[in-house]
Each structure stands twice: as C-alpha cells, then as structure tokens.
C-alpha cells in the first residue's frame, strides 16, 4: 500500500516535467535552429522586422476600432460554432431529439439576431478614416 503515494508523486513529477518541456522546448528549438548574423550582414540592425523586403511607411499606424469589433465578433461566433460540434454528435444518441433540435434552432437564432444587430450598427462597414497623428 505504500507504493501508491510514491507512484502518485511520480505521475505529478512526470506531468510537471512534461509541462515544463512544452513551455521551454519551443524556445530551445528556436535558439538551436535560428540563423545567426543575418541582420548584421545586411546592415539592418535598427530595422524592426527583417523579412527580406524593405518596409514601406512607419511601423506605428493606428487601426480603426472597426477592425477590433470585427475580430471580436469573429471570435465570439467561432466559439459558438465550436459549441455546436459536440451537440451535433450527441444529437442522435438521445431520446429527446425534437427538444434538442429546438434548442439548436433557438441557439442559432440568437446568434443570427446578434449578427443582424451588428449589421444594423455598421460593424461590418469598412470605411477608411484618416487620422492626424498630431
């Protein structure tokens, strides 16, 4: 019976080391495989991003709030659609198929109302606005 706490501690240690490896591993791999000296060869040490193409314009530009609203709408509906996958899998296994179908229709209807509301508020209009930095 004394072997069980030792085995539990080994499981915890294994999961801890696995998590640590998954957290630190990408940094180690990137350090091992990253090219060395490419920025100094082209004399571009002050350039923010080196991708082989000279940048056009300033790196600090202002994005309109419409972009962020559009991204939040996408994220919300993406998560809601992910909710529908397990419901669709469980749809055939229950005896309350009509109740489940009605719940799915109500859920999709609420999502549709949210899209209509955002459309009426003008979230999906991409008008370019010019900003004066000063």
C-alpha atoms as a PDB file:
ATOM      1  CA  UNK A   1       0.000   0.000   0.000  1.00  0.00           C
ATOM      2  CA  UNK A   2       2.973   2.342   0.490  1.00  0.00           C
ATOM      3  CA  UNK A   3       3.778   2.163  -3.233  1.00  0.00           C
ATOM      4  CA  UNK A   4       0.699   4.175  -4.242  1.00  0.00           C
ATOM      5  CA  UNK A   5       1.840   7.589  -2.834  1.00  0.00           C
ATOM      6  CA  UNK A   6       5.238   7.148  -4.499  1.00  0.00           C
ATOM      7  CA  UNK A   7       3.544   6.322  -7.794  1.00  0.00           C
ATOM      8  CA  UNK A   8       1.284   9.383  -7.424  1.00  0.00           C
ATOM      9  CA  UNK A   9       4.334  11.581  -6.869  1.00  0.00           C
ATOM     10  CA  UNK A  10       5.988  10.102  -9.958  1.00  0.00           C
ATOM     11  CA  UNK A  11       2.886  10.938 -12.016  1.00  0.00           C
ATOM     12  CA  UNK A  12       2.894  14.511 -10.724  1.00  0.00           C
ATOM     13  CA  UNK A  13       6.617  14.844 -11.436  1.00  0.00           C
ATOM     14  CA  UNK A  14       6.186  13.422 -14.945  1.00  0.00           C
ATOM     15  CA  UNK A  15       3.345  15.832 -15.755  1.00  0.00           C
ATOM     16  CA  UNK A  16       5.320  18.747 -14.297  1.00  0.00           C
ATOM     17  CA  UNK A  17       8.388  17.893 -16.378  1.00  0.00           C
ATOM     18  CA  UNK A  18       6.223  17.395 -19.471  1.00  0.00           C
ATOM     19  CA  UNK A  19       4.591  20.791 -18.972  1.00  0.00           C
ATOM     20  CA  UNK A  20       7.941  22.426 -18.373  1.00  0.00           C
ATOM     21  CA  UNK A  21       9.332  20.816 -21.523  1.00  0.00           C
ATOM     22  CA  UNK A  22       6.358  22.027 -23.576  1.00  0.00           C
ATOM     23  CA  UNK A  23       6.768  25.552 -22.204  1.00  0.00           C
ATOM     24  CA  UNK A  24      10.549  25.847 -22.596  1.00  0.00           C
ATOM     25  CA  UNK A  25      11.013  23.469 -25.544  1.00  0.00           C
ATOM     26  CA  UNK A  26       9.976  25.899 -28.329  1.00  0.00           C
ATOM     27  CA  UNK A  27      12.443  28.499 -27.043  1.00  0.00           C
ATOM     28  CA  UNK A  28      15.256  25.954 -27.042  1.00  0.00           C
ATOM     29  CA  UNK A  29      14.362  24.684 -30.518  1.00  0.00           C
ATOM     30  CA  UNK A  30      14.158  28.249 -31.876  1.00  0.00           C
ATOM     31  CA  UNK A  31      17.535  29.062 -30.363  1.00  0.00           C
ATOM     32  CA  UNK A  32      19.130  25.946 -31.854  1.00  0.00           C
ATOM     33  CA  UNK A  33      17.731  26.360 -35.376  1.00  0.00           C
ATOM     34  CA  UNK A  34      17.620  30.144 -35.779  1.00  0.00           C
ATOM     35  CA  UNK A  35      20.033  31.670 -38.303  1.00  0.00           C
ATOM     36  CA  UNK A  36      22.865  33.722 -36.883  1.00  0.00           C
ATOM     37  CA  UNK A  37      24.224  37.033 -38.086  1.00  0.00           C
ATOM     38  CA  UNK A  38      21.687  37.786 -40.808  1.00  0.00           C
ATOM     39  CA  UNK A  39      20.829  41.274 -39.552  1.00  0.00           C
ATOM     40  CA  UNK A  40      24.416  42.422 -39.295  1.00  0.00           C
ATOM     41  CA  UNK A  41      25.303  41.201 -42.788  1.00  0.00           C
ATOM     42  CA  UNK A  42      22.703  43.455 -44.426  1.00  0.00           C
ATOM     43  CA  UNK A  43      23.405  46.367 -42.047  1.00  0.00           C
ATOM     44  CA  UNK A  44      19.801  46.415 -40.835  1.00  0.00           C
ATOM     45  CA  UNK A  45      20.204  46.192 -37.075  1.00  0.00           C
ATOM     46  CA  UNK A  46      17.789  49.044 -36.437  1.00  0.00           C
ATOM     47  CA  UNK A  47      15.020  47.595 -38.623  1.00  0.00           C
ATOM     48  CA  UNK A  48      12.106  46.236 -36.579  1.00  0.00           C
ATOM     49  CA  UNK A  49      11.364  43.170 -38.723  1.00  0.00           C
ATOM     50  CA  UNK A  50      13.667  41.579 -41.244  1.00  0.00           C
ATOM     51  CA  UNK A  51      11.819  39.578 -43.861  1.00  0.00           C
ATOM     52  CA  UNK A  52      13.913  40.332 -46.913  1.00  0.00           C
ATOM     53  CA  UNK A  53      11.810  43.251 -48.096  1.00  0.00           C
ATOM     54  CA  UNK A  54      12.402  46.852 -47.096  1.00  0.00           C
ATOM     55  CA  UNK A  55       9.436  48.185 -45.120  1.00  0.00           C
ATOM     56  CA  UNK A  56       7.170  50.846 -46.580  1.00  0.00           C
ATOM     57  CA  UNK A  57       5.951  53.576 -44.249  1.00  0.00           C
ATOM     58  CA  UNK A  58       6.026  53.829 -40.483  1.00  0.00           C
ATOM     59  CA  UNK A  59       5.555  50.751 -38.296  1.00  0.00           C
ATOM     60  CA  UNK A  60       3.302  52.597 -35.814  1.00  0.00           C
ATOM     61  CA  UNK A  61      -0.009  53.066 -37.572  1.00  0.00           C
ATOM     62  CA  UNK A  62      -3.428  53.380 -35.981  1.00  0.00           C
ATOM     63  CA  UNK A  63      -6.033  50.749 -36.712  1.00  0.00           C
ATOM     64  CA  UNK A  64      -9.686  51.701 -36.657  1.00  0.00           C
ATOM     65  CA  UNK A  65     -11.899  50.358 -33.892  1.00  0.00           C
ATOM     66  CA  UNK A  66     -13.989  48.618 -36.554  1.00  0.00           C
ATOM     67  CA  UNK A  67     -11.199  46.109 -37.055  1.00  0.00           C
ATOM     68  CA  UNK A  68     -11.250  45.124 -33.383  1.00  0.00           C
ATOM     69  CA  UNK A  69     -15.041  44.889 -33.300  1.00  0.00           C
ATOM     70  CA  UNK A  70     -14.949  42.681 -36.364  1.00  0.00           C
ATOM     71  CA  UNK A  71     -12.286  40.475 -34.746  1.00  0.00           C
ATOM     72  CA  UNK A  72     -14.319  40.172 -31.530  1.00  0.00           C
ATOM     73  CA  UNK A  73     -17.441  39.253 -33.494  1.00  0.00           C
ATOM     74  CA  UNK A  74     -15.479  36.576 -35.343  1.00  0.00           C
ATOM     75  CA  UNK A  75     -14.078  35.200 -32.100  1.00  0.00           C
ATOM     76  CA  UNK A  76     -17.486  35.073 -30.437  1.00  0.00           C
ATOM     77  CA  UNK A  77     -19.128  33.290 -33.352  1.00  0.00           C
ATOM     78  CA  UNK A  78     -16.182  30.951 -33.771  1.00  0.00           C
ATOM     79  CA  UNK A  79     -16.524  29.807 -30.166  1.00  0.00           C
ATOM     80  CA  UNK A  80     -20.283  29.479 -30.546  1.00  0.00           C
ATOM     81  CA  UNK A  81     -19.906  27.320 -33.637  1.00  0.00           C
ATOM     82  CA  UNK A  82     -17.451  25.122 -31.735  1.00  0.00           C
ATOM     83  CA  UNK A  83     -20.253  24.564 -29.228  1.00  0.00           C
ATOM     84  CA  UNK A  84     -22.403  23.093 -31.992  1.00  0.00           C
ATOM     85  CA  UNK A  85     -19.990  20.220 -32.761  1.00  0.00           C
ATOM     86  CA  UNK A  86     -20.498  18.259 -29.513  1.00  0.00           C
ATOM     87  CA  UNK A  87     -24.230  18.993 -29.663  1.00  0.00           C
ATOM     88  CA  UNK A  88     -24.367  17.568 -33.178  1.00  0.00           C
ATOM     89  CA  UNK A  89     -22.525  14.443 -32.034  1.00  0.00           C
ATOM     90  CA  UNK A  90     -24.926  13.901 -29.147  1.00  0.00           C
ATOM     91  CA  UNK A  91     -27.964  14.721 -31.297  1.00  0.00           C
ATOM     92  CA  UNK A  92     -28.632  11.125 -32.439  1.00  0.00           C
ATOM     93  CA  UNK A  93     -27.913   9.456 -29.110  1.00  0.00           C
ATOM     94  CA  UNK A  94     -30.731  10.934 -27.029  1.00  0.00           C
ATOM     95  CA  UNK A  95     -34.424  10.170 -26.953  1.00  0.00           C
ATOM     96  CA  UNK A  96     -35.315  13.875 -26.864  1.00  0.00           C
ATOM     97  CA  UNK A  97     -34.380  14.578 -30.466  1.00  0.00           C
ATOM     98  CA  UNK A  98     -37.075  17.195 -31.101  1.00  0.00           C
ATOM     99  CA  UNK A  99     -36.226  19.110 -27.907  1.00  0.00           C
ATOM    100  CA  UNK A 100     -32.533  19.096 -28.859  1.00  0.00           C
ATOM    101  CA  UNK A 101     -33.338  20.299 -32.353  1.00  0.00           C
ATOM    102  CA  UNK A 102     -35.455  23.153 -30.964  1.00  0.00           C
ATOM    103  CA  UNK A 103     -32.627  24.144 -28.605  1.00  0.00           C
ATOM    104  CA  UNK A 104     -30.168  24.242 -31.519  1.00  0.00           C
ATOM    105  CA  UNK A 105     -32.576  26.346 -33.582  1.00  0.00           C
ATOM    106  CA  UNK A 106     -33.009  28.791 -30.678  1.00  0.00           C
ATOM    107  CA  UNK A 107     -29.225  28.996 -30.227  1.00  0.00           C
ATOM    108  CA  UNK A 108     -28.598  29.675 -33.910  1.00  0.00           C
ATOM    109  CA  UNK A 109     -31.490  32.154 -33.916  1.00  0.00           C
ATOM    110  CA  UNK A 110     -29.902  34.142 -31.076  1.00  0.00           C
ATOM    111  CA  UNK A 111     -26.617  34.159 -32.998  1.00  0.00           C
ATOM    112  CA  UNK A 112     -28.462  35.385 -36.082  1.00  0.00           C
ATOM    113  CA  UNK A 113     -30.033  38.205 -34.070  1.00  0.00           C
ATOM    114  CA  UNK A 114     -26.559  39.224 -32.888  1.00  0.00           C
ATOM    115  CA  UNK A 115     -25.336  39.348 -36.494  1.00  0.00           C
ATOM    116  CA  UNK A 116     -28.337  41.425 -37.546  1.00  0.00           C
ATOM    117  CA  UNK A 117     -27.758  43.803 -34.623  1.00  0.00           C
ATOM    118  CA  UNK A 118     -24.089  44.236 -35.550  1.00  0.00           C
ATOM    119  CA  UNK A 119     -25.033  44.742 -39.184  1.00  0.00           C
ATOM    120  CA  UNK A 120     -27.533  47.480 -38.248  1.00  0.00           C
ATOM    121  CA  UNK A 121     -24.907  49.184 -36.052  1.00  0.00           C
ATOM    122  CA  UNK A 122     -22.498  49.281 -39.017  1.00  0.00           C
ATOM    123  CA  UNK A 123     -19.806  46.989 -37.633  1.00  0.00           C
ATOM    124  CA  UNK A 124     -19.280  45.329 -41.000  1.00  0.00           C
ATOM    125  CA  UNK A 125     -18.696  48.599 -42.916  1.00  0.00           C
ATOM    126  CA  UNK A 126     -15.026  49.111 -43.721  1.00  0.00           C
ATOM    127  CA  UNK A 127     -14.735  52.837 -44.228  1.00  0.00           C
ATOM    128  CA  UNK A 128     -11.216  54.193 -44.311  1.00  0.00           C
ATOM    129  CA  UNK A 129     -10.699  57.032 -41.894  1.00  0.00           C
ATOM    130  CA  UNK A 130      -7.672  59.280 -41.940  1.00  0.00           C
ATOM    131  CA  UNK A 131      -6.112  60.216 -38.633  1.00  0.00           C
ATOM    132  CA  UNK A 132      -3.871  63.157 -37.928  1.00  0.00           C
ATOM    133  CA  UNK A 133      -1.150  61.968 -35.576  1.00  0.00           C
ATOM    134  CA  UNK A 134      -0.796  65.499 -34.121  1.00  0.00           C
END
